[in-house]
Amino acid sequence: MWDYDRLFPAIRHVYMAINITLMYLVHDAKSVRVRHR
């Protein structure tokens, strides 16, 4: 059986990390686009 008390905070932590990474990549892509112009 899963230990949900430990599992859910870990999933939320990973989810937040992925969101931050995606936001950073999108921001970086936009800044690179502006630089190339």
Protein backbone atom coordinates (compact mmCIF):
# COMPACT_ATOMS: atom_id res chain seq x y z
CA MET A 1 0.00 0.00 0.00
CA TRP A 2 1.07 3.59 -0.66
CA ASP A 3 1.78 6.04 2.15
CA TYR A 4 -0.44 8.84 0.85
CA ASP A 5 0.66 11.29 3.57
CA ARG A 6 4.17 11.11 2.10
CA LEU A 7 3.18 10.57 -1.52
CA PHE A 8 0.94 13.59 -2.09
CA PRO A 9 3.37 16.26 -0.78
CA ALA A 10 6.09 14.71 -2.95
CA ILE A 11 3.84 14.81 -6.03
CA ARG A 12 2.91 18.43 -5.30
CA HIS A 13 6.59 19.31 -4.85
CA VAL A 14 7.52 17.68 -8.18
CA TYR A 15 4.54 19.36 -9.88
CA MET A 16 5.61 22.78 -8.61
CA ALA A 17 9.20 22.15 -9.72
CA ILE A 18 8.00 21.18 -13.21
CA ASN A 19 5.83 24.31 -13.41
CA ILE A 20 8.78 26.53 -12.40
CA THR A 21 11.00 24.80 -14.95
CA LEU A 22 8.42 25.25 -17.73
CA MET A 23 7.93 28.93 -16.85
CA TYR A 24 11.72 29.43 -16.87
CA LEU A 25 12.09 27.69 -20.25
CA VAL A 26 9.25 29.73 -21.79
CA HIS A 27 10.73 32.96 -20.41
CA ASP A 28 14.18 31.98 -21.71
CA ALA A 29 12.75 31.14 -25.16
CA LYS A 30 11.02 34.54 -25.31
CA SER A 31 14.18 36.40 -24.32
CA VAL A 32 16.19 34.45 -26.92
CA ARG A 33 13.60 35.39 -29.56
CA VAL A 34 13.88 39.06 -28.62
CA ARG A 35 17.69 38.87 -28.73
CA HIS A 36 17.68 37.41 -32.24
CA ARG A 37 15.62 40.39 -33.45
